[in-house]
N, C-alpha and C. Protein backbone atom coordinates (compact mmCIF):
# COMPACT_ATOMS: atom_id res chain seq x y z
N MET A 1 0.58 -1.24 -0.09
CA MET A 1 -0.24 -0.05 0.34
C MET A 1 0.70 1.26 -0.25
N ASN A 2 0.63 2.23 -0.94
CA ASN A 2 1.81 3.23 -0.95
C ASN A 2 0.80 4.89 0.06
N ASP A 3 1.72 5.70 0.00
CA ASP A 3 0.86 6.73 0.93
C ASP A 3 0.07 7.65 0.17
N ARG A 4 -0.20 7.39 -0.73
CA ARG A 4 -1.27 7.84 -0.91
C ARG A 4 -2.86 6.56 -0.87
N GLN A 5 -2.47 5.85 -0.80
CA GLN A 5 -3.52 5.46 -0.97
C GLN A 5 -3.79 5.17 0.86
N LEU A 6 -2.98 5.10 1.41
CA LEU A 6 -3.18 5.18 3.30
C LEU A 6 -3.68 6.76 3.42
N GLU A 7 -3.34 8.02 2.71
CA GLU A 7 -3.64 8.59 3.28
C GLU A 7 -5.43 9.00 2.17
N THR A 8 -5.69 8.01 1.68
CA THR A 8 -7.53 8.06 0.90
C THR A 8 -7.92 7.21 1.66
N ILE A 9 -7.26 6.43 1.94
CA ILE A 9 -7.99 5.09 2.40
C ILE A 9 -8.38 4.96 4.03
N TRP A 10 -7.13 5.59 5.08
CA TRP A 10 -7.47 5.65 6.60
C TRP A 10 -7.32 6.79 7.04
N ALA A 11 -7.13 7.70 6.47
CA ALA A 11 -7.12 9.25 6.96
C ALA A 11 -8.14 9.53 7.28
N PRO A 12 -9.18 9.18 6.85
CA PRO A 12 -10.97 9.66 6.99
C PRO A 12 -10.70 8.90 8.25
N ARG A 13 -10.89 7.56 8.14
CA ARG A 13 -10.70 6.51 9.29
C ARG A 13 -10.58 6.79 10.63
N MET A 14 -8.61 7.43 10.51
CA MET A 14 -7.88 7.95 11.55
C MET A 14 -8.47 9.26 11.76
N LEU A 15 -9.11 10.15 11.57
CA LEU A 15 -10.12 11.22 12.10
C LEU A 15 -11.24 10.64 12.91
N SER A 16 -12.50 9.67 12.28
CA SER A 16 -12.92 9.90 13.19
C SER A 16 -12.68 8.72 14.52
N LEU A 17 -11.42 8.37 13.81
CA LEU A 17 -11.33 7.89 15.61
C LEU A 17 -10.41 8.39 16.43
N LEU A 18 -9.76 9.49 16.08
CA LEU A 18 -9.23 10.45 16.88
C LEU A 18 -10.51 11.52 17.20
N ARG A 19 -11.58 11.80 16.79
CA ARG A 19 -12.52 12.31 17.41
C ARG A 19 -13.37 11.57 18.36
N ILE A 20 -13.85 10.04 17.99
CA ILE A 20 -14.87 8.88 19.28
C ILE A 20 -13.12 9.13 20.39
N VAL A 21 -11.74 8.26 19.87
CA VAL A 21 -11.17 8.61 21.40
C VAL A 21 -11.41 10.08 22.01
N ALA A 22 -10.80 11.24 21.81
CA ALA A 22 -11.04 12.00 22.17
C ALA A 22 -12.34 12.87 22.58
N ALA A 23 -13.33 12.35 22.32
CA ALA A 23 -14.54 12.28 22.72
C ALA A 23 -15.36 11.68 24.40
N LEU A 24 -14.84 10.41 23.75
CA LEU A 24 -14.55 9.59 25.20
C LEU A 24 -14.28 9.75 26.55
N ILE A 25 -13.10 10.22 26.22
CA ILE A 25 -11.95 10.73 27.58
C ILE A 25 -13.19 11.97 28.27
N PHE A 26 -13.01 13.27 27.26
CA PHE A 26 -13.93 13.92 27.45
C PHE A 26 -14.93 13.75 28.08
N PHE A 27 -15.86 12.83 27.61
CA PHE A 27 -17.58 12.45 28.16
C PHE A 27 -17.12 11.85 29.56
N ALA A 28 -16.38 11.42 29.65
CA ALA A 28 -15.83 10.79 31.16
C ALA A 28 -15.40 11.93 31.81
N HIS A 29 -15.29 13.15 31.92
CA HIS A 29 -14.93 14.04 32.82
C HIS A 29 -15.95 14.70 32.88
N GLY A 30 -17.66 14.52 32.08
CA GLY A 30 -18.64 14.95 32.77
C GLY A 30 -19.88 14.30 33.03
N THR A 31 -19.75 12.72 32.91
CA THR A 31 -19.53 11.91 33.83
C THR A 31 -19.56 11.97 35.42
N ASP A 32 -18.07 12.04 35.35
CA ASP A 32 -17.62 12.55 37.09
C ASP A 32 -18.40 13.60 37.08
N LYS A 33 -18.23 14.61 36.48
CA LYS A 33 -18.75 16.40 37.97
C LYS A 33 -20.35 15.85 37.18
N ILE A 34 -21.32 15.54 36.36
CA ILE A 34 -22.15 15.88 36.46
C ILE A 34 -23.21 14.58 37.10
N LEU A 35 -22.49 13.17 36.93
CA LEU A 35 -23.46 12.02 36.99
C LEU A 35 -22.69 11.09 38.91
N GLY A 36 -21.39 11.60 38.71
CA GLY A 36 -20.60 11.13 40.19
C GLY A 36 -20.23 10.14 39.74
N PHE A 37 -20.32 9.72 38.47
CA PHE A 37 -19.49 7.85 37.90
C PHE A 37 -18.23 8.62 37.73
N PRO A 38 -17.11 7.88 37.67
CA PRO A 38 -17.01 7.08 38.83
C PRO A 38 -17.12 8.00 40.29
N ASP A 39 -17.35 7.72 41.30
CA ASP A 39 -17.63 8.23 41.97
C ASP A 39 -16.27 8.71 43.03
N THR A 40 -16.12 10.10 42.41
CA THR A 40 -14.69 10.31 42.38
C THR A 40 -14.52 12.02 43.97
N GLY A 41 -16.30 12.09 44.22
CA GLY A 41 -16.43 13.03 45.15
C GLY A 41 -16.22 14.74 45.17
N ARG A 42 -16.43 15.02 43.59
CA ARG A 42 -16.18 15.76 43.00
C ARG A 42 -17.45 16.75 41.91
N THR A 43 -18.30 16.18 42.18
CA THR A 43 -19.39 16.41 42.02
C THR A 43 -19.56 18.25 41.82
N PRO A 44 -19.73 19.68 41.24
CA PRO A 44 -20.11 21.06 41.74
C PRO A 44 -21.72 21.29 42.03
N ASP A 45 -21.38 21.85 42.36
CA ASP A 45 -23.03 22.74 42.85
C ASP A 45 -23.53 23.27 41.49
N ALA A 46 -24.82 23.40 41.49
CA ALA A 46 -25.73 22.88 40.43
C ALA A 46 -25.39 24.58 39.71
N PHE A 47 -25.16 24.90 38.84
CA PHE A 47 -25.06 26.12 38.16
C PHE A 47 -24.54 27.52 38.54
N THR A 48 -23.06 25.94 38.59
CA THR A 48 -21.68 27.08 38.93
C THR A 48 -20.74 27.02 37.50
N LEU A 49 -19.71 27.88 37.10
CA LEU A 49 -19.03 27.81 36.85
C LEU A 49 -18.49 25.79 35.99
N GLY A 50 -18.58 25.06 37.18
CA GLY A 50 -17.57 23.90 36.52
C GLY A 50 -19.26 23.13 36.38
N TRP A 51 -19.77 22.78 36.87
CA TRP A 51 -21.31 22.19 36.58
C TRP A 51 -21.34 22.73 35.39
N ILE A 52 -21.56 23.90 35.27
CA ILE A 52 -21.77 24.57 33.31
C ILE A 52 -20.58 23.40 32.17
N ALA A 53 -19.45 23.70 32.65
CA ALA A 53 -18.51 22.99 32.48
C ALA A 53 -18.97 21.55 31.81
N GLY A 54 -19.46 20.66 33.46
CA GLY A 54 -19.05 19.56 33.06
C GLY A 54 -20.77 19.02 32.47
N VAL A 55 -21.50 19.82 32.20
CA VAL A 55 -22.95 19.71 31.34
C VAL A 55 -22.50 20.26 30.28
N ILE A 56 -21.30 20.63 29.81
CA ILE A 56 -20.61 20.90 27.84
C ILE A 56 -20.10 19.31 27.83
N GLU A 57 -19.54 18.92 28.79
CA GLU A 57 -18.20 17.72 28.80
C GLU A 57 -19.44 16.68 28.20
N LEU A 58 -20.95 16.38 29.45
CA LEU A 58 -21.04 15.47 29.50
C LEU A 58 -21.89 15.37 27.73
N VAL A 59 -22.75 16.44 28.13
CA VAL A 59 -23.36 17.00 26.79
C VAL A 59 -22.76 17.45 24.73
N GLY A 60 -21.39 17.78 25.14
CA GLY A 60 -20.91 17.83 23.80
C GLY A 60 -19.95 16.49 23.79
N GLY A 61 -19.76 15.79 24.78
CA GLY A 61 -18.49 14.81 24.75
C GLY A 61 -19.36 13.69 23.58
N GLY A 62 -20.94 13.54 24.42
CA GLY A 62 -21.93 12.67 23.31
C GLY A 62 -21.98 12.51 22.44
N LEU A 63 -22.33 13.81 21.73
CA LEU A 63 -22.63 14.24 20.90
C LEU A 63 -21.44 14.10 19.72
N LEU A 64 -20.01 14.56 19.69
CA LEU A 64 -19.23 14.02 19.40
C LEU A 64 -18.43 12.31 18.98
N ILE A 65 -19.06 11.63 20.62
CA ILE A 65 -18.94 10.56 19.70
C ILE A 65 -19.49 9.86 18.52
N ALA A 66 -20.46 10.21 18.76
CA ALA A 66 -21.53 10.08 18.14
C ALA A 66 -21.41 10.77 17.01
N GLY A 67 -20.96 11.91 16.70
CA GLY A 67 -20.84 12.68 15.29
C GLY A 67 -21.74 13.43 14.82
N LEU A 68 -22.83 14.25 15.65
CA LEU A 68 -23.91 14.84 15.21
C LEU A 68 -23.25 16.24 15.92
N PHE A 69 -23.63 16.83 14.73
CA PHE A 69 -23.49 18.29 14.52
C PHE A 69 -21.97 18.50 15.04
N THR A 70 -20.85 17.77 14.68
CA THR A 70 -20.02 17.94 15.44
C THR A 70 -18.97 19.06 15.04
N ARG A 71 -18.86 19.74 13.95
CA ARG A 71 -18.29 20.87 13.67
C ARG A 71 -19.05 22.31 14.50
N PRO A 72 -20.20 22.22 15.14
CA PRO A 72 -20.12 23.12 16.38
C PRO A 72 -20.74 23.04 17.91
N VAL A 73 -20.10 21.83 17.53
CA VAL A 73 -19.83 21.53 19.31
C VAL A 73 -18.71 20.96 19.35
N ALA A 74 -17.44 20.95 18.05
CA ALA A 74 -16.63 21.21 18.88
C ALA A 74 -15.96 22.40 18.84
N PHE A 75 -16.65 23.21 17.96
CA PHE A 75 -16.32 24.91 18.44
C PHE A 75 -16.56 25.45 19.59
N LEU A 76 -18.01 25.08 20.64
CA LEU A 76 -17.81 24.79 21.50
C LEU A 76 -17.05 24.45 22.83
N THR A 77 -16.72 23.10 22.21
CA THR A 77 -15.97 22.14 23.46
C THR A 77 -14.51 22.66 23.43
N SER A 78 -14.29 23.84 22.27
CA SER A 78 -12.86 24.55 21.98
C SER A 78 -12.67 25.09 22.63
N GLY A 79 -13.74 26.26 21.83
CA GLY A 79 -13.69 27.52 23.59
C GLY A 79 -13.77 27.48 24.87
N LEU A 80 -14.35 25.89 25.40
CA LEU A 80 -14.63 25.58 26.69
C LEU A 80 -13.31 24.96 27.87
N MET A 81 -12.68 24.72 26.34
CA MET A 81 -11.11 24.01 27.50
C MET A 81 -9.94 25.32 26.78
N ALA A 82 -10.18 26.00 25.57
CA ALA A 82 -9.17 27.64 26.02
C ALA A 82 -9.99 28.46 27.31
N ALA A 83 -10.63 28.36 27.56
CA ALA A 83 -11.40 28.77 29.01
C ALA A 83 -11.21 28.65 30.01
N ALA A 84 -11.40 26.70 30.27
CA ALA A 84 -10.38 26.29 31.28
C ALA A 84 -9.08 26.59 31.60
N TYR A 85 -8.43 26.66 30.16
CA TYR A 85 -6.82 26.88 30.60
C TYR A 85 -7.00 27.93 30.94
N PHE A 86 -7.18 29.33 30.61
CA PHE A 86 -6.55 30.55 31.12
C PHE A 86 -7.30 30.53 32.52
N ILE A 87 -8.21 30.07 32.86
CA ILE A 87 -9.34 30.46 33.94
C ILE A 87 -8.24 29.53 34.82
N ALA A 88 -8.59 28.54 35.29
CA ALA A 88 -8.22 27.11 35.78
C ALA A 88 -6.42 27.28 35.96
N HIS A 89 -5.77 27.00 34.56
CA HIS A 89 -4.83 26.65 34.95
C HIS A 89 -3.21 27.68 34.74
N ALA A 90 -3.77 28.47 33.50
CA ALA A 90 -2.64 29.42 33.48
C ALA A 90 -2.14 30.49 34.83
N PRO A 91 -3.31 30.95 35.05
CA PRO A 91 -2.45 31.50 36.48
C PRO A 91 -1.56 30.91 37.63
N GLN A 92 -1.70 29.26 37.05
CA GLN A 92 -1.21 28.55 38.52
C GLN A 92 0.28 28.64 38.23
N SER A 93 1.09 28.57 37.17
CA SER A 93 2.01 28.84 36.10
C SER A 93 2.03 28.87 34.83
N VAL A 94 3.15 29.92 34.33
CA VAL A 94 2.87 29.58 33.00
C VAL A 94 3.21 28.04 32.01
N PHE A 95 3.96 27.85 32.79
CA PHE A 95 4.06 25.67 31.86
C PHE A 95 3.09 25.09 32.41
N PRO A 96 2.54 24.34 30.95
CA PRO A 96 1.51 23.49 31.65
C PRO A 96 1.60 22.19 31.96
N GLY A 97 2.87 21.49 31.98
CA GLY A 97 3.49 20.78 32.26
C GLY A 97 3.63 20.87 34.36
N ILE A 98 3.60 22.22 34.73
CA ILE A 98 3.92 22.46 36.21
C ILE A 98 2.04 22.82 36.43
N ASN A 99 1.32 23.52 35.62
CA ASN A 99 0.10 23.71 36.08
C ASN A 99 -1.61 22.78 35.64
N GLY A 100 -0.86 21.60 34.83
CA GLY A 100 -2.31 20.82 34.97
C GLY A 100 -2.43 21.23 33.88
N GLY A 101 -1.97 22.09 33.17
CA GLY A 101 -3.29 22.48 31.90
C GLY A 101 -2.90 21.64 30.55
N ASP A 102 -2.48 20.80 30.48
CA ASP A 102 -1.26 20.06 29.27
C ASP A 102 -2.65 19.55 28.47
N ALA A 103 -3.74 18.70 29.04
CA ALA A 103 -4.98 17.86 28.58
C ALA A 103 -5.50 18.98 28.03
N ALA A 104 -6.06 19.79 29.05
CA ALA A 104 -6.95 21.07 28.11
C ALA A 104 -6.45 21.94 27.03
N ILE A 105 -5.29 22.65 27.07
CA ILE A 105 -5.13 22.46 25.35
C ILE A 105 -4.94 21.39 24.75
N LEU A 106 -4.53 20.10 25.07
CA LEU A 106 -4.35 19.66 24.05
C LEU A 106 -5.93 19.10 23.26
N TYR A 107 -6.96 19.00 23.86
CA TYR A 107 -8.55 19.66 23.64
C TYR A 107 -9.17 20.00 22.98
N CYS A 108 -8.54 21.86 23.29
CA CYS A 108 -8.69 23.31 22.40
C CYS A 108 -8.24 22.35 21.39
N PHE A 109 -7.22 21.44 20.63
CA PHE A 109 -6.73 22.44 19.18
C PHE A 109 -7.02 20.91 18.40
N VAL A 110 -7.22 19.82 19.61
CA VAL A 110 -8.70 18.38 18.75
C VAL A 110 -9.81 18.86 18.33
N PHE A 111 -10.03 19.75 19.25
CA PHE A 111 -11.66 19.88 19.00
C PHE A 111 -12.23 21.22 17.98
N LEU A 112 -10.05 22.17 17.87
CA LEU A 112 -10.50 23.30 16.87
C LEU A 112 -10.12 22.29 15.68
N TYR A 113 -9.47 21.04 15.88
CA TYR A 113 -8.76 20.90 14.11
C TYR A 113 -10.39 20.23 13.91
N LEU A 114 -11.01 19.90 14.74
CA LEU A 114 -12.55 18.92 14.44
C LEU A 114 -13.38 20.38 13.57
N VAL A 115 -13.08 21.02 14.04
CA VAL A 115 -13.71 22.70 13.80
C VAL A 115 -14.16 22.19 11.73
N PHE A 116 -12.78 22.31 11.41
CA PHE A 116 -12.53 22.65 10.04
C PHE A 116 -12.40 21.10 9.24
N ALA A 117 -11.97 19.86 9.82
CA ALA A 117 -11.94 18.78 9.40
C ALA A 117 -12.82 17.81 9.48
N GLY A 118 -13.95 18.26 10.42
CA GLY A 118 -15.14 17.42 9.98
C GLY A 118 -15.79 16.42 10.79
N PRO A 119 -16.62 15.19 10.88
CA PRO A 119 -16.13 14.23 12.18
C PRO A 119 -15.27 12.91 10.94
N GLY A 120 -15.13 12.61 9.79
CA GLY A 120 -14.53 11.66 9.10
C GLY A 120 -16.29 11.36 8.85
N PRO A 121 -16.12 9.60 8.30
CA PRO A 121 -16.62 8.94 7.98
C PRO A 121 -17.85 8.37 8.75
N TRP A 122 -17.04 7.74 9.85
CA TRP A 122 -17.95 6.91 11.16
C TRP A 122 -19.02 7.68 11.47
N SER A 123 -20.10 8.61 11.59
CA SER A 123 -20.85 9.54 12.40
C SER A 123 -21.66 9.69 11.43
N ILE A 124 -22.64 10.72 12.43
CA ILE A 124 -24.40 10.81 12.15
C ILE A 124 -23.74 11.27 10.81
N ASP A 125 -22.90 12.46 11.25
CA ASP A 125 -22.96 13.71 10.32
C ASP A 125 -22.74 12.96 8.81
N ALA A 126 -22.28 12.30 9.12
CA ALA A 126 -22.14 11.54 7.47
C ALA A 126 -22.79 11.13 7.00
N LEU A 127 -23.66 10.35 7.75
CA LEU A 127 -24.37 9.71 7.23
C LEU A 127 -25.90 10.06 6.61
N ARG A 128 -25.52 11.02 7.42
CA ARG A 128 -26.79 12.80 7.44
C ARG A 128 -26.31 13.05 6.38
N ASN A 129 -25.44 13.58 5.77
CA ASN A 129 -25.25 14.15 3.81
C ASN A 129 -25.15 13.75 3.55
N GLU A 130 -24.61 11.76 3.80
CA GLU A 130 -25.20 11.00 2.27
C GLU A 130 -25.95 10.62 1.91
N ARG A 131 -27.19 10.88 2.95
CA ARG A 131 -28.43 11.11 2.72
C ARG A 131 -29.10 12.19 1.57
N SER A 132 -28.53 13.15 2.33
CA SER A 132 -28.71 14.65 1.70
C SER A 132 -27.98 14.75 0.12
N GLY A 133 -26.99 14.27 0.26
CA GLY A 133 -25.83 14.20 -0.98
C GLY A 133 -24.64 15.09 -0.81
N ALA A 134 -24.54 15.74 0.72
CA ALA A 134 -23.66 16.55 0.65
C ALA A 134 -22.40 15.87 1.69
N ARG A 135 -20.81 16.91 0.81
CA ARG A 135 -19.96 16.00 1.42
C ARG A 135 -19.89 16.25 3.22
N VAL A 136 -19.22 15.32 3.88
CA VAL A 136 -18.41 15.73 5.35
C VAL A 136 -17.08 16.41 5.07
């Protein structure tokens, strides 16, 4: 298999896989904050900043796993992670390895990539667009 075949066949599938895996981990943060699973004792009070972030992680993560409304949800979650970094992590230190914000930065840019790259072929968006004749 040459490079062109790898790019044509596997790159879109790996895009879907990247979206699914990143969204699963993101979703797990939401289940922790909102549903208390697994029980870490870190459930924020309702309608606080942490609770709102948890709802976005839970709902947005679920939508991204499925690949439904991928571009707008990825835009929202990317912004959430940028805000999380500057609100919670950056004030502690300039260095992400010290301030614990490396995951927030990575999520921010993975989700920002999804805004432009789309969900990939393994998504509800791709199925919807296939039926309407549009391209993802």
